């Protein structure tokens, strides 16, 4: 919490109530951890859309799963940076984000990705926050 010595951690699901219409500017939100590309669940409707896209020369998997999922990812990251004075850390916690079909859909401001593991994460975060 800004102005206090307490830390508040909020957890939400991609596309949930924090997907739209929430402004957490300044130090109200300093980090977002995204645990996967937010792919929609397999359903009859999604499968029909995938088949339709495939039959019209488009990549049905990307059209029905990857693009909607990555839209949720960029919306979640967008909660972090709302004004030109905002800054923070976006953690992408899934190796699929390294694949070109996902990485190519990330906003250019999120690149380059910094690869970390449990041993290097703390030091990378300290290095980031030293800049600010």
N, C-alpha and C. Protein backbone atom coordinates (compact mmCIF):
# COMPACT_ATOMS: atom_id res chain seq x y z
N UNK A 1 0.83 -1.19 0.00
CA UNK A 1 0.00 0.00 0.00
C UNK A 1 0.88 1.24 0.00
N UNK A 2 0.58 2.18 -0.86
CA UNK A 2 1.32 3.43 -0.91
C UNK A 2 1.15 4.19 0.40
N UNK A 3 2.27 4.69 0.94
CA UNK A 3 2.19 5.49 2.15
C UNK A 3 2.13 4.70 3.44
N UNK A 4 2.24 3.39 3.37
CA UNK A 4 2.24 2.59 4.59
C UNK A 4 3.42 1.63 4.54
N UNK A 5 3.65 0.94 5.63
CA UNK A 5 4.72 -0.05 5.65
C UNK A 5 4.17 -1.46 5.46
N UNK A 6 2.94 -1.55 4.99
CA UNK A 6 2.29 -2.85 4.75
C UNK A 6 2.33 -3.20 3.27
N UNK A 7 2.36 -4.47 3.00
CA UNK A 7 2.31 -4.96 1.63
C UNK A 7 0.97 -5.63 1.41
N UNK A 8 0.36 -5.34 0.29
CA UNK A 8 -0.91 -5.96 -0.06
C UNK A 8 -0.72 -6.73 -1.36
N UNK A 9 -1.11 -7.98 -1.35
CA UNK A 9 -1.04 -8.82 -2.55
C UNK A 9 -2.46 -9.16 -2.95
N UNK A 10 -2.80 -8.88 -4.18
CA UNK A 10 -4.12 -9.22 -4.70
C UNK A 10 -3.98 -10.27 -5.79
N UNK A 11 -4.86 -11.23 -5.79
CA UNK A 11 -4.83 -12.28 -6.80
C UNK A 11 -6.14 -12.25 -7.58
N UNK A 12 -6.04 -12.41 -8.89
CA UNK A 12 -7.25 -12.46 -9.70
C UNK A 12 -7.01 -13.36 -10.91
N UNK A 13 -8.06 -13.69 -11.58
CA UNK A 13 -8.01 -14.55 -12.75
C UNK A 13 -8.01 -13.66 -13.99
N UNK A 14 -7.23 -14.03 -15.00
CA UNK A 14 -7.23 -13.27 -16.25
C UNK A 14 -8.66 -13.12 -16.74
N UNK A 15 -9.02 -11.91 -17.10
CA UNK A 15 -10.36 -11.66 -17.59
C UNK A 15 -11.38 -11.46 -16.49
N UNK A 16 -10.94 -11.48 -15.23
CA UNK A 16 -11.85 -11.28 -14.11
C UNK A 16 -12.13 -9.80 -13.91
N UNK A 17 -12.48 -9.43 -12.68
CA UNK A 17 -12.88 -8.05 -12.42
C UNK A 17 -11.76 -7.05 -12.66
N UNK A 18 -10.50 -7.48 -12.64
CA UNK A 18 -9.40 -6.56 -12.89
C UNK A 18 -9.07 -6.46 -14.38
N UNK A 19 -9.82 -7.12 -15.22
CA UNK A 19 -9.56 -7.08 -16.65
C UNK A 19 -9.85 -5.72 -17.27
N UNK A 20 -10.81 -5.00 -16.75
CA UNK A 20 -11.21 -3.71 -17.31
C UNK A 20 -11.64 -2.76 -16.21
N UNK A 21 -11.46 -1.48 -16.46
CA UNK A 21 -12.06 -0.44 -15.64
C UNK A 21 -11.47 -0.20 -14.27
N UNK A 22 -10.29 -0.73 -13.98
CA UNK A 22 -9.66 -0.51 -12.69
C UNK A 22 -8.40 0.33 -12.91
N UNK A 23 -8.29 1.45 -12.22
CA UNK A 23 -7.09 2.28 -12.30
C UNK A 23 -6.35 2.22 -10.97
N UNK A 24 -5.19 1.61 -10.99
CA UNK A 24 -4.33 1.54 -9.82
C UNK A 24 -3.04 2.26 -10.19
N UNK A 25 -3.05 3.58 -10.14
CA UNK A 25 -1.92 4.38 -10.58
C UNK A 25 -0.87 4.53 -9.48
N UNK A 26 0.26 5.08 -9.88
CA UNK A 26 1.34 5.33 -8.93
C UNK A 26 1.84 4.05 -8.31
N UNK A 27 1.99 4.08 -7.00
CA UNK A 27 2.50 2.90 -6.29
C UNK A 27 1.40 1.97 -5.81
N UNK A 28 0.17 2.18 -6.27
CA UNK A 28 -0.93 1.30 -5.89
C UNK A 28 -0.73 -0.10 -6.42
N UNK A 29 -0.07 -0.21 -7.57
CA UNK A 29 0.22 -1.51 -8.17
C UNK A 29 1.62 -1.42 -8.75
N UNK A 30 2.53 -2.27 -8.27
CA UNK A 30 3.92 -2.19 -8.74
C UNK A 30 4.37 -3.47 -9.42
N UNK A 31 3.51 -4.45 -9.51
CA UNK A 31 3.88 -5.69 -10.17
C UNK A 31 2.67 -6.52 -10.54
N UNK A 32 2.83 -7.25 -11.63
CA UNK A 32 1.80 -8.17 -12.10
C UNK A 32 2.49 -9.49 -12.45
N UNK A 33 1.98 -10.59 -11.94
CA UNK A 33 2.49 -11.92 -12.30
C UNK A 33 1.40 -12.62 -13.10
N UNK A 34 1.74 -13.02 -14.31
CA UNK A 34 0.78 -13.66 -15.20
C UNK A 34 1.21 -15.11 -15.39
N UNK A 35 0.35 -16.02 -14.95
CA UNK A 35 0.68 -17.44 -14.90
C UNK A 35 0.05 -18.15 -16.10
N UNK A 36 0.57 -17.88 -17.28
CA UNK A 36 0.10 -18.56 -18.48
C UNK A 36 -0.56 -17.62 -19.47
N UNK A 37 -0.69 -18.07 -20.71
CA UNK A 37 -1.21 -17.21 -21.77
C UNK A 37 -2.72 -17.06 -21.82
N UNK A 38 -3.43 -17.51 -20.83
CA UNK A 38 -4.86 -17.23 -20.73
C UNK A 38 -5.72 -17.84 -21.82
N UNK A 39 -5.31 -18.97 -22.35
CA UNK A 39 -6.07 -19.59 -23.43
C UNK A 39 -7.48 -19.96 -22.97
N UNK A 40 -8.48 -19.72 -23.81
CA UNK A 40 -9.85 -20.09 -23.44
C UNK A 40 -9.99 -21.60 -23.26
N UNK A 41 -10.98 -21.99 -22.49
CA UNK A 41 -11.26 -23.42 -22.33
C UNK A 41 -11.77 -23.99 -23.64
N UNK A 42 -11.50 -25.26 -23.84
CA UNK A 42 -12.04 -25.95 -25.01
C UNK A 42 -13.55 -26.05 -24.82
N UNK A 43 -14.27 -25.62 -25.85
CA UNK A 43 -15.72 -25.71 -25.81
C UNK A 43 -16.22 -25.96 -27.22
N UNK A 44 -17.48 -26.29 -27.33
CA UNK A 44 -18.07 -26.50 -28.65
C UNK A 44 -17.98 -25.24 -29.49
N UNK A 45 -18.30 -24.10 -28.89
CA UNK A 45 -18.26 -22.84 -29.62
C UNK A 45 -16.84 -22.51 -30.11
N UNK A 46 -15.86 -22.67 -29.22
CA UNK A 46 -14.48 -22.38 -29.60
C UNK A 46 -14.00 -23.34 -30.67
N UNK A 47 -14.35 -24.59 -30.55
CA UNK A 47 -13.97 -25.60 -31.55
C UNK A 47 -14.61 -25.26 -32.90
N UNK A 48 -15.87 -24.84 -32.91
CA UNK A 48 -16.53 -24.45 -34.17
C UNK A 48 -15.84 -23.25 -34.81
N UNK A 49 -15.45 -22.28 -33.99
CA UNK A 49 -14.74 -21.12 -34.51
C UNK A 49 -13.38 -21.51 -35.07
N UNK A 50 -12.69 -22.43 -34.39
CA UNK A 50 -11.41 -22.91 -34.87
C UNK A 50 -11.58 -23.61 -36.23
N UNK A 51 -12.56 -24.47 -36.34
CA UNK A 51 -12.82 -25.17 -37.60
C UNK A 51 -13.18 -24.19 -38.71
N UNK A 52 -14.02 -23.20 -38.39
CA UNK A 52 -14.40 -22.18 -39.37
C UNK A 52 -13.18 -21.41 -39.86
N UNK A 53 -12.33 -20.99 -38.93
CA UNK A 53 -11.12 -20.25 -39.30
C UNK A 53 -10.20 -21.09 -40.16
N UNK A 54 -10.01 -22.34 -39.77
CA UNK A 54 -9.18 -23.25 -40.57
C UNK A 54 -9.73 -23.40 -41.99
N UNK A 55 -11.04 -23.53 -42.10
CA UNK A 55 -11.66 -23.74 -43.42
C UNK A 55 -11.59 -22.49 -44.30
N UNK A 56 -11.29 -21.33 -43.70
CA UNK A 56 -11.17 -20.09 -44.47
C UNK A 56 -9.71 -19.61 -44.57
N UNK A 57 -8.78 -20.57 -44.43
CA UNK A 57 -7.38 -20.28 -44.67
C UNK A 57 -6.64 -19.56 -43.56
N UNK A 58 -7.24 -19.47 -42.39
CA UNK A 58 -6.58 -18.85 -41.25
C UNK A 58 -6.16 -19.93 -40.26
N UNK A 59 -5.24 -19.61 -39.40
CA UNK A 59 -4.80 -20.54 -38.37
C UNK A 59 -5.86 -20.56 -37.27
N UNK A 60 -6.68 -21.59 -37.28
CA UNK A 60 -7.81 -21.68 -36.36
C UNK A 60 -7.40 -21.69 -34.90
N UNK A 61 -6.29 -22.34 -34.57
CA UNK A 61 -5.85 -22.37 -33.18
C UNK A 61 -5.49 -20.97 -32.70
N UNK A 62 -4.74 -20.24 -33.53
CA UNK A 62 -4.39 -18.87 -33.13
C UNK A 62 -5.63 -17.99 -33.04
N UNK A 63 -6.53 -18.11 -34.00
CA UNK A 63 -7.73 -17.28 -34.02
C UNK A 63 -8.62 -17.53 -32.80
N UNK A 64 -8.77 -18.79 -32.42
CA UNK A 64 -9.74 -19.11 -31.38
C UNK A 64 -9.14 -19.24 -29.98
N UNK A 65 -7.83 -19.45 -29.88
CA UNK A 65 -7.22 -19.63 -28.57
C UNK A 65 -6.12 -18.61 -28.28
N UNK A 66 -5.10 -18.56 -29.13
CA UNK A 66 -3.92 -17.74 -28.83
C UNK A 66 -4.27 -16.25 -28.78
N UNK A 67 -4.93 -15.71 -29.79
CA UNK A 67 -5.22 -14.28 -29.81
C UNK A 67 -6.12 -13.84 -28.65
N UNK A 68 -7.22 -14.54 -28.38
CA UNK A 68 -8.02 -14.14 -27.21
C UNK A 68 -7.26 -14.26 -25.88
N UNK A 69 -6.44 -15.31 -25.76
CA UNK A 69 -5.67 -15.50 -24.53
C UNK A 69 -4.65 -14.39 -24.33
N UNK A 70 -3.93 -14.06 -25.39
CA UNK A 70 -2.91 -13.03 -25.28
C UNK A 70 -3.53 -11.64 -25.11
N UNK A 71 -4.74 -11.46 -25.59
CA UNK A 71 -5.44 -10.21 -25.32
C UNK A 71 -5.66 -10.04 -23.81
N UNK A 72 -6.03 -11.14 -23.14
CA UNK A 72 -6.20 -11.09 -21.68
C UNK A 72 -4.87 -10.80 -20.98
N UNK A 73 -3.79 -11.36 -21.51
CA UNK A 73 -2.46 -11.13 -20.94
C UNK A 73 -2.09 -9.65 -21.03
N UNK A 74 -2.27 -9.05 -22.21
CA UNK A 74 -1.90 -7.64 -22.36
C UNK A 74 -2.82 -6.74 -21.54
N UNK A 75 -4.08 -7.12 -21.38
CA UNK A 75 -4.97 -6.35 -20.52
C UNK A 75 -4.50 -6.41 -19.06
N UNK A 76 -4.09 -7.59 -18.62
CA UNK A 76 -3.60 -7.73 -17.24
C UNK A 76 -2.34 -6.89 -17.03
N UNK A 77 -1.43 -6.94 -17.98
CA UNK A 77 -0.23 -6.11 -17.88
C UNK A 77 -0.56 -4.64 -17.95
N UNK A 78 -1.60 -4.29 -18.69
CA UNK A 78 -2.02 -2.90 -18.81
C UNK A 78 -2.56 -2.32 -17.53
N UNK A 79 -2.94 -3.15 -16.57
CA UNK A 79 -3.36 -2.65 -15.26
C UNK A 79 -2.19 -1.99 -14.55
N UNK A 80 -0.97 -2.41 -14.88
CA UNK A 80 0.23 -1.94 -14.20
C UNK A 80 0.64 -0.54 -14.65
N UNK A 81 0.64 -0.30 -15.93
CA UNK A 81 1.11 0.98 -16.47
C UNK A 81 -0.10 1.74 -17.00
N UNK A 82 -0.57 2.72 -16.24
CA UNK A 82 -1.76 3.49 -16.61
C UNK A 82 -1.43 4.93 -16.98
N UNK A 83 -0.30 5.46 -16.48
CA UNK A 83 0.09 6.83 -16.79
C UNK A 83 1.57 6.84 -17.16
N UNK A 84 2.06 7.95 -17.68
CA UNK A 84 3.47 8.04 -18.06
C UNK A 84 4.41 8.01 -16.86
N UNK A 85 3.87 8.20 -15.66
CA UNK A 85 4.69 8.16 -14.45
C UNK A 85 4.73 6.77 -13.81
N UNK A 86 3.91 5.86 -14.27
CA UNK A 86 3.85 4.52 -13.68
C UNK A 86 5.01 3.65 -14.18
N UNK A 87 5.44 2.76 -13.34
CA UNK A 87 6.44 1.76 -13.69
C UNK A 87 6.22 0.56 -12.80
N UNK A 88 6.74 -0.58 -13.22
CA UNK A 88 6.58 -1.79 -12.43
C UNK A 88 7.10 -3.00 -13.17
N UNK A 89 6.89 -4.14 -12.57
CA UNK A 89 7.42 -5.40 -13.08
C UNK A 89 6.27 -6.28 -13.55
N UNK A 90 6.43 -6.86 -14.73
CA UNK A 90 5.49 -7.86 -15.22
C UNK A 90 6.23 -9.19 -15.29
N UNK A 91 5.76 -10.15 -14.52
CA UNK A 91 6.35 -11.48 -14.52
C UNK A 91 5.49 -12.39 -15.39
N UNK A 92 6.07 -12.96 -16.41
CA UNK A 92 5.37 -13.92 -17.28
C UNK A 92 5.85 -15.30 -16.87
N UNK A 93 5.00 -16.02 -16.15
CA UNK A 93 5.41 -17.26 -15.48
C UNK A 93 5.00 -18.51 -16.26
N UNK A 94 5.42 -18.58 -17.50
CA UNK A 94 5.12 -19.75 -18.31
C UNK A 94 6.10 -19.77 -19.47
N UNK A 95 6.72 -20.91 -19.71
CA UNK A 95 7.71 -21.00 -20.79
C UNK A 95 7.11 -20.76 -22.17
N UNK A 96 5.78 -20.88 -22.31
CA UNK A 96 5.17 -20.61 -23.62
C UNK A 96 5.38 -19.17 -24.08
N UNK A 97 5.55 -18.24 -23.15
CA UNK A 97 5.78 -16.85 -23.53
C UNK A 97 7.09 -16.67 -24.30
N UNK A 98 7.97 -17.65 -24.22
CA UNK A 98 9.23 -17.60 -24.97
C UNK A 98 9.03 -18.01 -26.43
N UNK A 99 7.97 -18.70 -26.74
CA UNK A 99 7.70 -19.14 -28.12
C UNK A 99 7.26 -17.96 -28.97
N UNK A 100 7.69 -17.96 -30.21
CA UNK A 100 7.42 -16.81 -31.09
C UNK A 100 5.92 -16.55 -31.26
N UNK A 101 5.08 -17.58 -31.30
CA UNK A 101 3.66 -17.34 -31.51
C UNK A 101 3.01 -16.56 -30.36
N UNK A 102 3.63 -16.59 -29.20
CA UNK A 102 3.16 -15.80 -28.06
C UNK A 102 3.99 -14.52 -27.90
N UNK A 103 5.29 -14.67 -27.95
CA UNK A 103 6.19 -13.53 -27.76
C UNK A 103 5.95 -12.43 -28.80
N UNK A 104 5.66 -12.82 -30.03
CA UNK A 104 5.40 -11.83 -31.08
C UNK A 104 4.15 -10.99 -30.82
N UNK A 105 3.30 -11.44 -29.93
CA UNK A 105 2.06 -10.71 -29.62
C UNK A 105 2.20 -9.81 -28.39
N UNK A 106 3.34 -9.85 -27.73
CA UNK A 106 3.56 -9.00 -26.56
C UNK A 106 3.83 -7.56 -27.01
N UNK A 107 3.40 -6.58 -26.23
CA UNK A 107 3.72 -5.19 -26.55
C UNK A 107 5.23 -4.99 -26.59
N UNK A 108 5.72 -4.18 -27.51
CA UNK A 108 7.16 -3.99 -27.66
C UNK A 108 7.79 -3.41 -26.38
N UNK A 109 6.98 -2.68 -25.58
CA UNK A 109 7.50 -2.12 -24.34
C UNK A 109 7.84 -3.21 -23.31
N UNK A 110 7.33 -4.39 -23.49
CA UNK A 110 7.61 -5.49 -22.56
C UNK A 110 8.90 -6.21 -22.92
N UNK A 111 9.49 -5.88 -24.05
CA UNK A 111 10.66 -6.58 -24.55
C UNK A 111 11.91 -5.74 -24.32
N UNK A 112 13.07 -6.34 -24.21
CA UNK A 112 13.30 -7.78 -24.28
C UNK A 112 12.90 -8.46 -22.97
N UNK A 113 12.55 -9.71 -23.07
CA UNK A 113 12.23 -10.49 -21.88
C UNK A 113 13.53 -10.80 -21.15
N UNK A 114 13.49 -10.74 -19.84
CA UNK A 114 14.64 -11.10 -19.01
C UNK A 114 14.33 -12.46 -18.41
N UNK A 115 15.14 -13.44 -18.72
CA UNK A 115 14.90 -14.79 -18.23
C UNK A 115 15.50 -14.95 -16.84
N UNK A 116 14.69 -15.42 -15.91
CA UNK A 116 15.13 -15.63 -14.54
C UNK A 116 14.70 -17.01 -14.07
N UNK A 117 15.27 -17.42 -12.97
CA UNK A 117 14.83 -18.63 -12.29
C UNK A 117 14.75 -18.31 -10.80
N UNK A 118 14.48 -19.31 -10.00
CA UNK A 118 14.33 -19.05 -8.57
C UNK A 118 15.58 -18.43 -7.95
N UNK A 119 16.73 -18.78 -8.48
CA UNK A 119 17.98 -18.27 -7.91
C UNK A 119 18.27 -16.83 -8.34
N UNK A 120 17.84 -16.43 -9.54
CA UNK A 120 18.20 -15.12 -10.07
C UNK A 120 17.08 -14.08 -9.97
N UNK A 121 15.86 -14.50 -9.65
CA UNK A 121 14.73 -13.59 -9.64
C UNK A 121 14.93 -12.43 -8.66
N UNK A 122 15.33 -12.74 -7.44
CA UNK A 122 15.51 -11.69 -6.43
C UNK A 122 16.50 -10.63 -6.87
N UNK A 123 17.62 -11.04 -7.41
CA UNK A 123 18.64 -10.08 -7.85
C UNK A 123 18.14 -9.24 -9.03
N UNK A 124 17.44 -9.85 -9.97
CA UNK A 124 16.89 -9.10 -11.11
C UNK A 124 15.88 -8.07 -10.64
N UNK A 125 15.03 -8.43 -9.69
CA UNK A 125 14.06 -7.47 -9.15
C UNK A 125 14.77 -6.33 -8.42
N UNK A 126 15.78 -6.65 -7.63
CA UNK A 126 16.53 -5.60 -6.94
C UNK A 126 17.18 -4.66 -7.96
N UNK A 127 17.75 -5.20 -9.03
CA UNK A 127 18.36 -4.37 -10.08
C UNK A 127 17.32 -3.46 -10.72
N UNK A 128 16.13 -3.99 -10.98
CA UNK A 128 15.08 -3.18 -11.59
C UNK A 128 14.71 -2.02 -10.67
N UNK A 129 14.45 -2.31 -9.40
CA UNK A 129 13.97 -1.28 -8.48
C UNK A 129 15.05 -0.26 -8.12
N UNK A 130 16.32 -0.63 -8.26
CA UNK A 130 17.39 0.35 -8.04
C UNK A 130 17.31 1.50 -9.04
N UNK A 131 16.79 1.23 -10.23
CA UNK A 131 16.65 2.27 -11.25
C UNK A 131 15.60 3.31 -10.85
N UNK A 132 14.68 2.93 -9.97
CA UNK A 132 13.57 3.81 -9.63
C UNK A 132 13.64 4.19 -8.18
